[in-house]
Amino acid sequence: MLYYIGSFIQHYWGPGRLLQSYTVLILIALYEGFLLTQLLLPKFYDKLPHDRGREFTLTAEAAKGKPTGAGVVFITLFVVLCFVIIPLNRTQIFIVLLTWFMMLTGYLDDRSLTSWGEYKKGLLDLIISLVASFILMKYCASESEDGFIHFWLPILSDTIIVSPWVFILISTILLWLSINTTNCTDGVDGLSGSLVLVALLTMGAIFYFILGHVDIAAYLLVPHLSDGATWGVITFLLAGILMGYLWHNAYPSKVMMGDAGSRALGFYIGAAVMVSRNPFLILATSSIMFVNGGMGLMKVFLLRFFKIHIFKEVRFPLHDHLRKNHGWSPTQVLMKFLIMQLLITSALVGLFFKVR
């Protein structure tokens, strides 16, 4: 809306054209997202469900009684601000709305007196991931000149053509893993939100400064994304909103995002990575979350379906193991995981874009 307002008022007031600058829109989105979330979130504490203590976690008693499911507030705000600030295309509208629906599945579980269970949530994740994958497949094909889906990969200087069904398979698996590993990481104050913030800022910068810039994309031998700047604004908006949430979730937290927040954030990260057309970028954005939560998912999967025991002496999510067996405090877990993710992100982004 602001973009179109700028095109109208610039005829009467010259500086109004700044509302059509994506740099200005990013700044507006980042700051407005932060300020509105930081100011509005506490007003919903008494309306949110309250944590009943998570089973098998070290923080069950500390979390018990705190308002949870804050994702219903900040993801809804994200959707509203997307339509107010950003000139969205059809694919972006679908992804933003699917992010909200993913939030809704988590919120309904947060407020339910009995957990929905792993299989029910897993099936919902799969359905939404599959729908999103079809939408992203059509989008990525439309972004190429020849109508085929092109992946750009580490080390290879040329792109490779990927069949639609291979894209859908990779996208669905990546989205499902991103949703669930992000959800598993949400167990220490500020941890999941801080790691997701690194992912969002990374993808926002990649969209705006590299993929969305014709000359830089050509120099780095990566496909140009015609609406990369718009994806950048969307991603920075969500980053600003997440900063507003972390203002209240910093240790000791006053509120928790719950499944409503973590599942939606994981979904958006996965979708952003697939939009970039390099699925390996998920390693740059979310490797610590994949290790922290993904190894636990693998451990449960192998034990439940194949009776194979791995990591018998390791407790998952890994942050629980480090707290219980190595005496790490919540702050130590947050800072050390964050440092490791920043080091990995810096190294892999440089590797993916320059070693080609």
Protein backbone atom coordinates (compact mmCIF):
# COMPACT_ATOMS: atom_id res chain seq x y z
CA MET A 1 0.00 0.00 0.00
CA LEU A 2 2.77 2.48 0.92
CA TYR A 3 4.49 1.75 -2.39
CA TYR A 4 1.38 2.72 -4.36
CA ILE A 5 0.71 5.73 -2.14
CA GLY A 6 4.21 6.93 -2.97
CA SER A 7 3.52 6.68 -6.71
CA PHE A 8 0.44 8.87 -6.21
CA ILE A 9 1.70 11.59 -3.88
CA GLN A 10 5.05 12.13 -5.67
CA HIS A 11 3.14 14.17 -8.25
CA TYR A 12 2.19 16.62 -5.49
CA TRP A 13 5.15 16.23 -3.11
CA GLY A 14 8.51 15.18 -4.53
CA PRO A 15 9.87 13.31 -1.47
CA GLY A 16 6.85 11.00 -1.70
CA ARG A 17 8.80 9.05 -4.31
CA LEU A 18 10.96 7.68 -1.49
CA LEU A 19 8.10 5.33 -0.62
CA GLN A 20 8.92 3.56 -3.88
CA SER A 21 12.52 3.02 -2.82
CA TYR A 22 13.07 -0.54 -1.59
CA THR A 23 15.83 0.69 0.72
CA VAL A 24 13.34 3.02 2.39
CA LEU A 25 10.71 0.26 2.51
CA ILE A 26 13.21 -2.06 4.22
CA LEU A 27 13.92 0.57 6.88
CA ILE A 28 10.22 1.25 7.40
CA ALA A 29 9.46 -2.48 7.60
CA LEU A 30 12.33 -3.23 10.00
CA TYR A 31 11.61 -0.40 12.43
CA GLU A 32 7.83 -0.52 12.25
CA GLY A 33 7.87 -4.29 12.74
CA PHE A 34 10.12 -3.97 15.79
CA LEU A 35 8.30 -1.06 17.42
CA LEU A 36 4.78 -2.37 16.94
CA THR A 37 5.67 -5.86 18.20
CA GLN A 38 7.61 -4.50 21.16
CA LEU A 39 4.74 -2.21 22.15
CA LEU A 40 1.74 -4.41 21.38
CA LEU A 41 2.85 -7.88 22.49
CA PRO A 42 2.55 -7.24 26.28
CA LYS A 43 -1.06 -6.13 25.79
CA PHE A 44 -1.95 -9.69 24.75
CA TYR A 45 -0.32 -11.55 27.65
CA ASP A 46 -3.62 -12.09 29.46
CA LYS A 47 -5.30 -13.30 26.26
CA LEU A 48 -2.67 -15.87 25.31
CA PRO A 49 -2.69 -19.48 26.56
CA HIS A 50 -0.33 -20.19 29.44
CA ASP A 51 2.40 -22.82 29.37
CA ARG A 52 1.57 -26.00 31.30
CA GLY A 53 5.17 -27.21 31.41
CA ARG A 54 6.68 -29.24 28.59
CA GLU A 55 7.19 -32.90 29.13
CA PHE A 56 10.81 -34.17 29.09
CA THR A 57 12.36 -30.69 29.10
CA LEU A 58 14.67 -29.16 31.67
CA THR A 59 12.81 -25.84 31.66
CA ALA A 60 9.33 -27.21 32.30
CA GLU A 61 8.90 -25.65 35.74
CA ALA A 62 10.52 -22.34 34.78
CA ALA A 63 8.22 -22.00 31.76
CA LYS A 64 5.06 -23.14 33.50
CA GLY A 65 2.49 -20.38 33.81
CA LYS A 66 4.09 -17.99 31.32
CA PRO A 67 2.03 -16.74 28.38
CA THR A 68 2.83 -18.76 25.28
CA GLY A 69 1.68 -18.87 21.69
CA ALA A 70 2.93 -15.30 21.10
CA GLY A 71 3.39 -16.28 17.46
CA VAL A 72 -0.31 -15.68 16.94
CA VAL A 73 0.33 -12.00 17.67
CA PHE A 74 3.56 -11.33 15.82
CA ILE A 75 2.87 -13.54 12.79
CA THR A 76 -0.56 -11.93 12.36
CA LEU A 77 1.13 -8.52 12.62
CA PHE A 78 3.64 -9.69 10.01
CA VAL A 79 0.86 -10.56 7.58
CA VAL A 80 -0.95 -7.25 8.11
CA LEU A 81 2.21 -5.17 7.66
CA CYS A 82 3.14 -7.12 4.53
CA PHE A 83 -0.06 -5.91 2.88
CA VAL A 84 0.33 -2.38 4.25
CA ILE A 85 3.97 -1.81 3.32
CA ILE A 86 4.97 -4.14 0.48
CA PRO A 87 3.79 -4.45 -3.16
CA LEU A 88 3.28 -8.23 -3.07
CA ASN A 89 2.92 -10.44 -6.11
CA ARG A 90 0.71 -13.52 -6.18
CA THR A 91 3.38 -15.99 -5.03
CA GLN A 92 4.40 -13.76 -2.15
CA ILE A 93 0.77 -13.42 -1.05
CA PHE A 94 0.43 -17.20 -1.01
CA ILE A 95 3.65 -17.70 1.00
CA VAL A 96 2.70 -15.00 3.52
CA LEU A 97 -0.76 -16.53 3.98
CA LEU A 98 0.65 -20.05 4.28
CA THR A 99 3.02 -18.75 6.96
CA TRP A 100 -0.06 -17.55 8.83
CA PHE A 101 -1.82 -20.90 8.40
CA MET A 102 1.27 -22.68 9.70
CA MET A 103 1.14 -20.36 12.70
CA LEU A 104 -2.53 -21.22 13.19
CA THR A 105 -1.85 -24.97 13.41
CA GLY A 106 0.75 -24.30 16.09
CA TYR A 107 -1.47 -21.87 18.00
CA LEU A 108 -4.40 -24.27 18.11
CA ASP A 109 -2.03 -26.86 19.57
CA ASP A 110 -0.65 -24.31 22.07
CA ARG A 111 -4.12 -23.55 23.41
CA SER A 112 -5.37 -27.16 23.32
CA LEU A 113 -5.69 -28.87 26.71
CA THR A 114 -4.18 -32.02 25.20
CA SER A 115 -1.34 -32.06 22.68
CA TRP A 116 -2.31 -32.74 19.09
CA GLY A 117 0.38 -35.39 18.90
CA GLU A 118 3.36 -35.85 16.60
CA TYR A 119 1.52 -37.57 13.76
CA LYS A 120 -1.28 -35.02 13.47
CA LYS A 121 1.12 -32.08 13.47
CA GLY A 122 3.50 -33.90 11.14
CA LEU A 123 0.68 -34.52 8.65
CA LEU A 124 -0.39 -30.86 8.74
CA ASP A 125 3.24 -29.82 8.21
CA LEU A 126 3.45 -32.14 5.22
CA ILE A 127 0.24 -30.84 3.63
CA ILE A 128 1.19 -27.17 3.96
CA SER A 129 4.75 -27.89 2.81
CA LEU A 130 3.45 -29.74 -0.24
CA VAL A 131 1.06 -26.93 -1.18
CA ALA A 132 3.87 -24.38 -0.77
CA SER A 133 6.22 -26.52 -2.87
CA PHE A 134 3.80 -26.55 -5.81
CA ILE A 135 3.45 -22.77 -5.59
CA LEU A 136 7.22 -22.26 -5.37
CA MET A 137 7.81 -24.67 -8.25
CA LYS A 138 5.56 -22.60 -10.52
CA TYR A 139 7.21 -19.41 -9.32
CA CYS A 140 10.80 -20.61 -9.88
CA ALA A 141 9.90 -21.84 -13.38
CA SER A 142 8.37 -18.46 -14.23
CA GLU A 143 11.54 -16.68 -13.06
CA SER A 144 13.70 -18.33 -15.72
CA GLU A 145 13.85 -17.28 -19.36
CA ASP A 146 13.37 -20.80 -20.71
CA GLY A 147 10.58 -21.85 -18.32
CA PHE A 148 12.72 -24.50 -16.60
CA ILE A 149 13.72 -24.54 -12.93
CA HIS A 150 17.41 -23.76 -12.50
CA PHE A 151 19.35 -24.45 -9.29
CA TRP A 152 22.67 -22.72 -8.69
CA LEU A 153 24.85 -24.86 -6.47
CA PRO A 154 28.13 -24.53 -4.56
CA ILE A 155 31.34 -25.06 -6.58
CA LEU A 156 29.49 -25.35 -9.93
CA SER A 157 29.72 -22.21 -12.08
CA ASP A 158 26.77 -23.20 -14.27
CA THR A 159 23.20 -23.72 -13.13
CA ILE A 160 21.56 -27.12 -13.41
CA ILE A 161 18.03 -27.81 -14.61
CA VAL A 162 15.80 -29.56 -12.09
CA SER A 163 12.57 -31.34 -12.99
CA PRO A 164 9.40 -30.03 -11.30
CA TRP A 165 8.91 -33.25 -9.32
CA VAL A 166 12.47 -33.23 -8.02
CA PHE A 167 11.97 -29.61 -6.97
CA ILE A 168 8.73 -30.48 -5.16
CA LEU A 169 10.37 -33.42 -3.39
CA ILE A 170 13.39 -31.37 -2.24
CA SER A 171 11.22 -28.41 -1.27
CA THR A 172 8.72 -30.48 0.74
CA ILE A 173 11.47 -32.27 2.68
CA LEU A 174 13.37 -29.04 3.32
CA LEU A 175 10.26 -27.18 4.48
CA TRP A 176 9.21 -30.03 6.78
CA LEU A 177 12.67 -30.25 8.31
CA SER A 178 12.94 -26.48 8.73
CA ILE A 179 9.56 -26.35 10.49
CA ASN A 180 10.34 -29.14 12.91
CA THR A 181 13.98 -28.36 13.69
CA THR A 182 13.07 -24.74 14.42
CA ASN A 183 10.28 -25.98 16.67
CA CYS A 184 12.64 -28.33 18.53
CA THR A 185 15.12 -25.50 19.15
CA ASP A 186 12.52 -23.41 20.98
CA GLY A 187 13.42 -24.52 24.51
CA VAL A 188 15.80 -21.90 25.91
CA ASP A 189 14.88 -18.23 26.33
CA GLY A 190 15.88 -16.32 23.21
CA LEU A 191 17.58 -19.28 21.53
CA SER A 192 15.24 -20.13 18.68
CA GLY A 193 14.38 -16.50 18.03
CA SER A 194 18.04 -15.42 17.91
CA LEU A 195 19.06 -18.22 15.55
CA VAL A 196 16.08 -17.51 13.28
CA LEU A 197 17.01 -13.82 13.33
CA VAL A 198 20.45 -14.68 11.93
CA ALA A 199 18.74 -16.71 9.20
CA LEU A 200 16.32 -13.90 8.32
CA LEU A 201 18.98 -11.19 8.20
CA THR A 202 21.15 -13.47 6.04
CA MET A 203 18.37 -14.24 3.57
CA GLY A 204 17.19 -10.62 3.54
CA ALA A 205 20.68 -9.43 2.61
CA ILE A 206 21.04 -12.14 -0.05
CA PHE A 207 17.70 -11.22 -1.61
CA TYR A 208 18.27 -7.48 -1.64
CA PHE A 209 22.01 -7.08 -2.25
CA ILE A 210 22.79 -10.12 -4.43
CA LEU A 211 19.92 -12.00 -6.07
CA GLY A 212 17.82 -8.87 -6.55
CA HIS A 213 20.68 -6.86 -8.10
CA VAL A 214 21.24 -7.54 -11.81
CA ASP A 215 24.92 -6.62 -11.93
CA ILE A 216 25.98 -8.31 -8.69
CA ALA A 217 24.06 -11.48 -9.54
CA ALA A 218 25.76 -11.60 -12.95
CA TYR A 219 29.20 -10.98 -11.40
CA LEU A 220 28.71 -13.84 -8.92
CA LEU A 221 27.27 -16.14 -11.62
CA VAL A 222 23.93 -16.61 -9.88
CA PRO A 223 20.47 -16.23 -11.46
CA HIS A 224 18.93 -12.80 -11.00
CA LEU A 225 15.67 -12.71 -9.05
CA SER A 226 13.41 -10.08 -10.60
CA ASP A 227 11.53 -9.42 -7.35
CA GLY A 228 14.46 -10.14 -5.03
CA ALA A 229 14.16 -6.67 -3.49
CA THR A 230 10.54 -7.37 -2.55
CA TRP A 231 11.51 -10.68 -0.94
CA GLY A 232 14.17 -8.72 0.90
CA VAL A 233 11.60 -6.30 2.32
CA ILE A 234 9.35 -9.18 3.44
CA THR A 235 12.26 -10.93 5.13
CA PHE A 236 13.57 -7.81 6.88
CA LEU A 237 10.03 -7.07 8.07
CA LEU A 238 9.84 -10.48 9.74
CA ALA A 239 13.31 -9.88 11.21
CA GLY A 240 12.16 -6.59 12.74
CA ILE A 241 9.07 -8.25 14.18
CA LEU A 242 11.19 -11.03 15.65
CA MET A 243 13.44 -8.42 17.29
CA GLY A 244 10.35 -6.97 18.96
CA TYR A 245 9.45 -10.42 20.29
CA LEU A 246 13.01 -11.09 21.51
CA TRP A 247 12.84 -7.84 23.48
CA HIS A 248 10.41 -9.67 25.79
CA ASN A 249 11.78 -13.19 25.34
CA ALA A 250 15.34 -12.42 26.44
CA TYR A 251 16.36 -14.37 29.56
CA PRO A 252 14.45 -14.47 31.83
CA SER A 253 11.58 -14.44 29.37
CA LYS A 254 8.19 -12.90 29.98
CA VAL A 255 6.52 -14.63 27.04
CA MET A 256 7.20 -17.54 24.68
CA MET A 257 6.45 -17.88 20.97
CA GLY A 258 5.14 -21.46 21.31
CA ASP A 259 4.51 -23.69 18.31
CA ALA A 260 2.56 -20.78 16.81
CA GLY A 261 5.80 -18.86 16.34
CA SER A 262 8.46 -21.50 15.85
CA ARG A 263 6.59 -23.50 13.21
CA ALA A 264 5.70 -20.40 11.17
CA LEU A 265 9.26 -19.07 11.35
CA GLY A 266 10.70 -22.42 10.29
CA PHE A 267 8.29 -22.53 7.37
CA TYR A 268 9.24 -19.06 6.15
CA ILE A 269 12.98 -19.77 6.36
CA GLY A 270 12.50 -22.91 4.26
CA ALA A 271 10.36 -21.06 1.72
CA ALA A 272 12.92 -18.24 1.45
CA VAL A 273 15.71 -20.73 0.80
CA MET A 274 13.71 -22.42 -1.98
CA VAL A 275 12.92 -19.03 -3.54
CA SER A 276 16.68 -18.45 -3.79
CA ARG A 277 16.92 -21.67 -5.87
CA ASN A 278 19.86 -22.96 -3.84
CA PRO A 279 18.60 -25.45 -1.23
CA PHE A 280 22.10 -25.68 0.27
CA LEU A 281 21.60 -22.18 1.69
CA ILE A 282 19.63 -23.86 4.49
CA LEU A 283 23.02 -24.95 5.85
CA ALA A 284 24.11 -21.32 6.03
CA THR A 285 20.90 -20.17 7.70
CA SER A 286 19.93 -23.04 9.97
CA SER A 287 22.77 -25.54 10.49
CA ILE A 288 22.80 -25.18 14.29
CA MET A 289 19.03 -25.66 14.44
CA PHE A 290 19.36 -28.73 12.23
CA VAL A 291 21.99 -30.23 14.53
CA ASN A 292 20.19 -29.20 17.71
CA GLY A 293 16.77 -30.49 16.73
CA GLY A 294 17.28 -32.53 13.58
CA MET A 295 19.57 -35.12 15.15
CA GLY A 296 16.91 -35.76 17.76
CA LEU A 297 14.29 -36.26 15.06
CA MET A 298 16.60 -38.73 13.32
CA LYS A 299 17.25 -40.55 16.61
CA VAL A 300 13.52 -40.95 17.29
CA PHE A 301 12.78 -41.95 13.67
CA LEU A 302 15.43 -44.68 13.55
CA LEU A 303 14.45 -46.06 16.95
CA ARG A 304 10.70 -46.01 16.35
CA PHE A 305 10.62 -47.46 12.84
CA PHE A 306 13.84 -49.47 12.54
CA LYS A 307 14.78 -50.20 16.18
CA ILE A 308 18.20 -48.67 15.56
CA HIS A 309 19.76 -46.91 18.53
CA ILE A 310 22.08 -43.97 17.88
CA PHE A 311 23.50 -41.35 20.24
CA LYS A 312 22.43 -43.39 23.26
CA GLU A 313 24.28 -41.13 25.67
CA VAL A 314 23.16 -37.85 24.11
CA ARG A 315 19.98 -36.07 25.11
CA PHE A 316 18.07 -34.14 22.43
CA PRO A 317 17.41 -31.34 21.72
CA LEU A 318 21.16 -30.88 22.13
CA HIS A 319 20.74 -27.76 24.24
CA ASP A 320 19.14 -29.93 26.96
CA HIS A 321 22.14 -32.29 26.88
CA LEU A 322 24.58 -29.40 27.23
CA ARG A 323 22.64 -27.92 30.12
CA LYS A 324 22.18 -31.16 32.03
CA ASN A 325 25.45 -32.97 31.28
CA HIS A 326 27.85 -30.06 30.85
CA GLY A 327 26.32 -27.47 33.15
CA TRP A 328 25.77 -24.77 30.56
CA SER A 329 23.48 -21.96 31.69
CA PRO A 330 20.68 -20.70 29.42
CA THR A 331 22.80 -17.66 28.58
CA GLN A 332 25.80 -19.84 27.72
CA VAL A 333 23.66 -22.01 25.44
CA LEU A 334 22.30 -18.93 23.67
CA MET A 335 25.62 -17.16 23.19
CA LYS A 336 27.65 -20.22 22.18
CA PHE A 337 25.03 -21.49 19.74
CA LEU A 338 24.68 -17.99 18.30
CA ILE A 339 28.46 -17.60 17.88
CA MET A 340 28.70 -20.98 16.14
CA GLN A 341 25.85 -20.11 13.77
CA LEU A 342 27.41 -16.74 12.90
CA LEU A 343 30.75 -18.41 12.13
CA ILE A 344 29.06 -21.06 9.98
CA THR A 345 26.88 -18.53 8.18
CA SER A 346 29.83 -16.26 7.36
CA ALA A 347 31.91 -19.16 6.04
CA LEU A 348 29.19 -20.83 3.98
CA VAL A 349 27.80 -17.65 2.41
CA GLY A 350 31.31 -16.76 1.28
CA LEU A 351 31.88 -20.29 -0.01
CA PHE A 352 28.56 -20.56 -1.86
CA PHE A 353 28.88 -17.24 -3.68
CA LYS A 354 32.62 -17.02 -4.41
CA VAL A 355 33.82 -20.61 -4.91
CA ARG A 356 31.98 -21.24 -8.16
